[in-house]
């Protein structure tokens, strides 16, 4: 089980005020949460899943 309570969350440089997502990485797992609703928790993805998603977005596939 991964704890993200004290994780170093980061946002995109494109973030405008708090209308974005935050991402935190631990070995093998990436957590994603909404900056507006942090108290609602986060979604977990394997590092490979998250990398695939980011690459697909970069290449206009999503």
PDB file of N, CA and C in Angstrom:
ATOM      1  N   UNK A   1       0.845  -1.183   0.000  1.00  0.00           N
ATOM      2  CA  UNK A   1       0.000   0.000   0.000  1.00  0.00           C
ATOM      3  C   UNK A   1       0.887   1.241   0.000  1.00  0.00           C
ATOM      4  N   UNK A   2       0.579   2.177  -0.850  1.00  0.00           N
ATOM      5  CA  UNK A   2       1.353   3.402  -0.955  1.00  0.00           C
ATOM      6  C   UNK A   2       0.631   4.533  -0.231  1.00  0.00           C
ATOM      7  N   UNK A   3       1.383   5.328   0.509  1.00  0.00           N
ATOM      8  CA  UNK A   3       0.825   6.491   1.183  1.00  0.00           C
ATOM      9  C   UNK A   3       1.225   7.743   0.419  1.00  0.00           C
ATOM     10  N   UNK A   4       0.244   8.550   0.076  1.00  0.00           N
ATOM     11  CA  UNK A   4       0.509   9.774  -0.666  1.00  0.00           C
ATOM     12  C   UNK A   4       0.203  11.014   0.168  1.00  0.00           C
ATOM     13  N   UNK A   5      -0.048  10.824   1.458  1.00  0.00           N
ATOM     14  CA  UNK A   5      -0.389  11.947   2.330  1.00  0.00           C
ATOM     15  C   UNK A   5       0.705  13.017   2.302  1.00  0.00           C
ATOM     16  N   UNK A   6       1.944  12.628   2.447  1.00  0.00           N
ATOM     17  CA  UNK A   6       3.060  13.577   2.460  1.00  0.00           C
ATOM     18  C   UNK A   6       3.872  13.547   1.168  1.00  0.00           C
ATOM     19  N   UNK A   7       3.281  12.996   0.124  1.00  0.00           N
ATOM     20  CA  UNK A   7       3.991  12.882  -1.150  1.00  0.00           C
ATOM     21  C   UNK A   7       4.220  14.262  -1.764  1.00  0.00           C
ATOM     22  N   UNK A   8       5.274  14.406  -2.547  1.00  0.00           N
ATOM     23  CA  UNK A   8       5.521  15.676  -3.245  1.00  0.00           C
ATOM     24  C   UNK A   8       4.634  15.784  -4.496  1.00  0.00           C
ATOM     25  N   UNK A   9       3.447  16.325  -4.330  1.00  0.00           N
ATOM     26  CA  UNK A   9       2.518  16.491  -5.440  1.00  0.00           C
ATOM     27  C   UNK A   9       3.002  17.617  -6.343  1.00  0.00           C
ATOM     28  N   UNK A  10       2.780  17.465  -7.648  1.00  0.00           N
ATOM     29  CA  UNK A  10       3.176  18.507  -8.600  1.00  0.00           C
ATOM     30  C   UNK A  10       2.039  18.743  -9.585  1.00  0.00           C
ATOM     31  N   UNK A  11       2.019  19.923 -10.154  1.00  0.00           N
ATOM     32  CA  UNK A  11       1.034  20.269 -11.175  1.00  0.00           C
ATOM     33  C   UNK A  11       1.760  20.666 -12.450  1.00  0.00           C
ATOM     34  N   UNK A  12       1.020  20.705 -13.516  1.00  0.00           N
ATOM     35  CA  UNK A  12       1.568  21.112 -14.798  1.00  0.00           C
ATOM     36  C   UNK A  12       1.911  22.589 -14.785  1.00  0.00           C
ATOM     37  N   UNK A  13       2.867  22.974 -15.598  1.00  0.00           N
ATOM     38  CA  UNK A  13       3.195  24.396 -15.741  1.00  0.00           C
ATOM     39  C   UNK A  13       2.059  25.135 -16.440  1.00  0.00           C
ATOM     40  N   UNK A  14       1.112  24.400 -17.021  1.00  0.00           N
ATOM     41  CA  UNK A  14      -0.042  24.991 -17.679  1.00  0.00           C
ATOM     42  C   UNK A  14      -1.202  25.239 -16.719  1.00  0.00           C
ATOM     43  N   UNK A  15      -1.034  24.886 -15.463  1.00  0.00           N
ATOM     44  CA  UNK A  15      -2.096  25.044 -14.478  1.00  0.00           C
ATOM     45  C   UNK A  15      -2.504  26.504 -14.346  1.00  0.00           C
ATOM     46  N   UNK A  16      -3.794  26.748 -14.403  1.00  0.00           N
ATOM     47  CA  UNK A  16      -4.336  28.085 -14.211  1.00  0.00           C
ATOM     48  C   UNK A  16      -5.122  28.089 -12.914  1.00  0.00           C
ATOM     49  N   UNK A  17      -4.648  28.817 -11.933  1.00  0.00           N
ATOM     50  CA  UNK A  17      -5.211  28.847 -10.600  1.00  0.00           C
ATOM     51  C   UNK A  17      -5.244  27.414 -10.076  1.00  0.00           C
ATOM     52  N   UNK A  18      -6.400  26.851  -9.830  1.00  0.00           N
ATOM     53  CA  UNK A  18      -6.440  25.470  -9.356  1.00  0.00           C
ATOM     54  C   UNK A  18      -7.349  24.623 -10.226  1.00  0.00           C
ATOM     55  N   UNK A  19      -7.231  24.772 -11.521  1.00  0.00           N
ATOM     56  CA  UNK A  19      -8.067  24.033 -12.466  1.00  0.00           C
ATOM     57  C   UNK A  19      -7.235  22.985 -13.191  1.00  0.00           C
ATOM     58  N   UNK A  20      -6.717  22.046 -12.440  1.00  0.00           N
ATOM     59  CA  UNK A  20      -5.835  21.058 -13.046  1.00  0.00           C
ATOM     60  C   UNK A  20      -5.803  19.811 -12.171  1.00  0.00           C
ATOM     61  N   UNK A  21      -4.926  18.915 -12.512  1.00  0.00           N
ATOM     62  CA  UNK A  21      -4.692  17.741 -11.688  1.00  0.00           C
ATOM     63  C   UNK A  21      -3.295  17.835 -11.094  1.00  0.00           C
ATOM     64  N   UNK A  22      -3.108  17.107 -10.013  1.00  0.00           N
ATOM     65  CA  UNK A  22      -1.792  16.986  -9.393  1.00  0.00           C
ATOM     66  C   UNK A  22      -1.358  15.538  -9.518  1.00  0.00           C
ATOM     67  N   UNK A  23      -0.065  15.349  -9.608  1.00  0.00           N
ATOM     68  CA  UNK A  23       0.509  14.019  -9.768  1.00  0.00           C
ATOM     69  C   UNK A  23       1.593  13.819  -8.714  1.00  0.00           C
ATOM     70  N   UNK A  24       1.615  12.614  -8.135  1.00  0.00           N
ATOM     71  CA  UNK A  24       2.673  12.246  -7.188  1.00  0.00           C
ATOM     72  C   UNK A  24       3.188  10.867  -7.580  1.00  0.00           C
ATOM     73  N   UNK A  25       4.490  10.713  -7.565  1.00  0.00           N
ATOM     74  CA  UNK A  25       5.109   9.442  -7.951  1.00  0.00           C
ATOM     75  C   UNK A  25       5.769   8.762  -6.765  1.00  0.00           C
ATOM     76  N   UNK A  26       5.643   7.455  -6.729  1.00  0.00           N
ATOM     77  CA  UNK A  26       6.433   6.605  -5.846  1.00  0.00           C
ATOM     78  C   UNK A  26       6.953   5.494  -6.743  1.00  0.00           C
ATOM     79  N   UNK A  27       7.913   4.731  -6.289  1.00  0.00           N
ATOM     80  CA  UNK A  27       8.420   3.660  -7.149  1.00  0.00           C
ATOM     81  C   UNK A  27       7.300   2.716  -7.604  1.00  0.00           C
ATOM     82  N   UNK A  28       7.055   2.705  -8.896  1.00  0.00           N
ATOM     83  CA  UNK A  28       6.088   1.781  -9.478  1.00  0.00           C
ATOM     84  C   UNK A  28       4.651   2.259  -9.523  1.00  0.00           C
ATOM     85  N   UNK A  29       4.320   3.356  -8.826  1.00  0.00           N
ATOM     86  CA  UNK A  29       2.931   3.817  -8.767  1.00  0.00           C
ATOM     87  C   UNK A  29       2.867   5.345  -8.888  1.00  0.00           C
ATOM     88  N   UNK A  30       1.885   5.818  -9.660  1.00  0.00           N
ATOM     89  CA  UNK A  30       1.626   7.243  -9.791  1.00  0.00           C
ATOM     90  C   UNK A  30       0.209   7.513  -9.304  1.00  0.00           C
ATOM     91  N   UNK A  31       0.059   8.547  -8.492  1.00  0.00           N
ATOM     92  CA  UNK A  31      -1.255   8.961  -7.998  1.00  0.00           C
ATOM     93  C   UNK A  31      -1.650  10.261  -8.683  1.00  0.00           C
ATOM     94  N   UNK A  32      -2.941  10.400  -8.989  1.00  0.00           N
ATOM     95  CA  UNK A  32      -3.454  11.586  -9.659  1.00  0.00           C
ATOM     96  C   UNK A  32      -4.687  12.056  -8.894  1.00  0.00           C
ATOM     97  N   UNK A  33      -4.773  13.375  -8.651  1.00  0.00           N
ATOM     98  CA  UNK A  33      -5.943  13.920  -7.967  1.00  0.00           C
ATOM     99  C   UNK A  33      -6.311  15.279  -8.553  1.00  0.00           C
ATOM    100  N   UNK A  34      -7.530  15.688  -8.326  1.00  0.00           N
ATOM    101  CA  UNK A  34      -8.059  16.966  -8.778  1.00  0.00           C
ATOM    102  C   UNK A  34      -7.641  18.049  -7.788  1.00  0.00           C
ATOM    103  N   UNK A  35      -7.086  19.141  -8.283  1.00  0.00           N
ATOM    104  CA  UNK A  35      -6.638  20.202  -7.382  1.00  0.00           C
ATOM    105  C   UNK A  35      -7.798  20.876  -6.654  1.00  0.00           C
ATOM    106  N   UNK A  36      -8.973  20.868  -7.251  1.00  0.00           N
ATOM    107  CA  UNK A  36     -10.138  21.487  -6.608  1.00  0.00           C
ATOM    108  C   UNK A  36     -10.709  20.625  -5.487  1.00  0.00           C
ATOM    109  N   UNK A  37     -10.563  19.325  -5.606  1.00  0.00           N
ATOM    110  CA  UNK A  37     -11.200  18.402  -4.673  1.00  0.00           C
ATOM    111  C   UNK A  37     -10.197  17.404  -4.100  1.00  0.00           C
ATOM    112  N   UNK A  38      -9.122  17.901  -3.570  1.00  0.00           N
ATOM    113  CA  UNK A  38      -8.078  17.036  -3.018  1.00  0.00           C
ATOM    114  C   UNK A  38      -8.620  16.073  -1.963  1.00  0.00           C
ATOM    115  N   UNK A  39      -9.598  16.533  -1.208  1.00  0.00           N
ATOM    116  CA  UNK A  39     -10.156  15.717  -0.141  1.00  0.00           C
ATOM    117  C   UNK A  39     -10.925  14.503  -0.653  1.00  0.00           C
ATOM    118  N   UNK A  40     -11.199  14.448  -1.942  1.00  0.00           N
ATOM    119  CA  UNK A  40     -11.916  13.308  -2.517  1.00  0.00           C
ATOM    120  C   UNK A  40     -11.006  12.122  -2.815  1.00  0.00           C
ATOM    121  N   UNK A  41      -9.736  12.285  -2.570  1.00  0.00           N
ATOM    122  CA  UNK A  41      -8.808  11.175  -2.780  1.00  0.00           C
ATOM    123  C   UNK A  41      -8.089  11.254  -4.112  1.00  0.00           C
ATOM    124  N   UNK A  42      -7.550  10.128  -4.521  1.00  0.00           N
ATOM    125  CA  UNK A  42      -6.749  10.084  -5.742  1.00  0.00           C
ATOM    126  C   UNK A  42      -6.943   8.753  -6.454  1.00  0.00           C
ATOM    127  N   UNK A  43      -6.537   8.730  -7.699  1.00  0.00           N
ATOM    128  CA  UNK A  43      -6.538   7.514  -8.509  1.00  0.00           C
ATOM    129  C   UNK A  43      -5.109   7.015  -8.603  1.00  0.00           C
ATOM    130  N   UNK A  44      -4.948   5.706  -8.622  1.00  0.00           N
ATOM    131  CA  UNK A  44      -3.612   5.109  -8.730  1.00  0.00           C
ATOM    132  C   UNK A  44      -3.434   4.430 -10.076  1.00  0.00           C
ATOM    133  N   UNK A  45      -2.258   4.624 -10.642  1.00  0.00           N
ATOM    134  CA  UNK A  45      -1.888   3.994 -11.901  1.00  0.00           C
ATOM    135  C   UNK A  45      -0.487   3.428 -11.764  1.00  0.00           C
ATOM    136  N   UNK A  46      -0.222   2.330 -12.438  1.00  0.00           N
ATOM    137  CA  UNK A  46       1.159   1.847 -12.451  1.00  0.00           C
ATOM    138  C   UNK A  46       1.986   2.883 -13.206  1.00  0.00           C
ATOM    139  N   UNK A  47       3.268   2.905 -12.941  1.00  0.00           N
ATOM    140  CA  UNK A  47       4.140   3.857 -13.631  1.00  0.00           C
ATOM    141  C   UNK A  47       4.050   3.658 -15.141  1.00  0.00           C
ATOM    142  N   UNK A  48       3.998   2.415 -15.590  1.00  0.00           N
ATOM    143  CA  UNK A  48       3.901   2.126 -17.025  1.00  0.00           C
ATOM    144  C   UNK A  48       2.589   2.653 -17.611  1.00  0.00           C
ATOM    145  N   UNK A  49       1.483   2.475 -16.904  1.00  0.00           N
ATOM    146  CA  UNK A  49       0.198   2.996 -17.379  1.00  0.00           C
ATOM    147  C   UNK A  49       0.237   4.508 -17.514  1.00  0.00           C
ATOM    148  N   UNK A  50       0.777   5.176 -16.489  1.00  0.00           N
ATOM    149  CA  UNK A  50       0.812   6.638 -16.515  1.00  0.00           C
ATOM    150  C   UNK A  50       1.698   7.143 -17.648  1.00  0.00           C
ATOM    151  N   UNK A  51       2.854   6.524 -17.838  1.00  0.00           N
ATOM    152  CA  UNK A  51       3.752   6.931 -18.936  1.00  0.00           C
ATOM    153  C   UNK A  51       3.069   6.758 -20.291  1.00  0.00           C
ATOM    154  N   UNK A  52       2.361   5.649 -20.461  1.00  0.00           N
ATOM    155  CA  UNK A  52       1.647   5.408 -21.722  1.00  0.00           C
ATOM    156  C   UNK A  52       0.600   6.479 -21.968  1.00  0.00           C
ATOM    157  N   UNK A  53      -0.135   6.836 -20.922  1.00  0.00           N
ATOM    158  CA  UNK A  53      -1.157   7.879 -21.034  1.00  0.00           C
ATOM    159  C   UNK A  53      -0.524   9.212 -21.430  1.00  0.00           C
ATOM    160  N   UNK A  54       0.527   9.606 -20.742  1.00  0.00           N
ATOM    161  CA  UNK A  54       1.187  10.886 -21.020  1.00  0.00           C
ATOM    162  C   UNK A  54       1.729  10.906 -22.445  1.00  0.00           C
ATOM    163  N   UNK A  55       2.340   9.833 -22.879  1.00  0.00           N
ATOM    164  CA  UNK A  55       2.874   9.775 -24.250  1.00  0.00           C
ATOM    165  C   UNK A  55       1.749   9.863 -25.281  1.00  0.00           C
ATOM    166  N   UNK A  56       0.633   9.207 -25.027  1.00  0.00           N
ATOM    167  CA  UNK A  56      -0.498   9.264 -25.949  1.00  0.00           C
ATOM    168  C   UNK A  56      -1.036  10.687 -26.049  1.00  0.00           C
ATOM    169  N   UNK A  57      -1.120  11.394 -24.936  1.00  0.00           N
ATOM    170  CA  UNK A  57      -1.572  12.783 -24.949  1.00  0.00           C
ATOM    171  C   UNK A  57      -0.587  13.647 -25.733  1.00  0.00           C
ATOM    172  N   UNK A  58       0.698  13.469 -25.479  1.00  0.00           N
ATOM    173  CA  UNK A  58       1.713  14.258 -26.185  1.00  0.00           C
ATOM    174  C   UNK A  58       1.641  14.089 -27.694  1.00  0.00           C
ATOM    175  N   UNK A  59       1.269  12.882 -28.129  1.00  0.00           N
ATOM    176  CA  UNK A  59       1.223  12.583 -29.561  1.00  0.00           C
ATOM    177  C   UNK A  59      -0.168  12.780 -30.155  1.00  0.00           C
ATOM    178  N   UNK A  60      -1.067  13.372 -29.401  1.00  0.00           N
ATOM    179  CA  UNK A  60      -2.402  13.666 -29.922  1.00  0.00           C
ATOM    180  C   UNK A  60      -3.280  12.452 -30.114  1.00  0.00           C
ATOM    181  N   UNK A  61      -2.967  11.364 -29.445  1.00  0.00           N
ATOM    182  CA  UNK A  61      -3.742  10.136 -29.610  1.00  0.00           C
ATOM    183  C   UNK A  61      -4.983  10.118 -28.720  1.00  0.00           C
ATOM    184  N   UNK A  62      -5.043  11.016 -27.751  1.00  0.00           N
ATOM    185  CA  UNK A  62      -6.218  11.103 -26.859  1.00  0.00           C
ATOM    186  C   UNK A  62      -6.785  12.497 -26.868  1.00  0.00           C
TER     187      UNK A  62
END
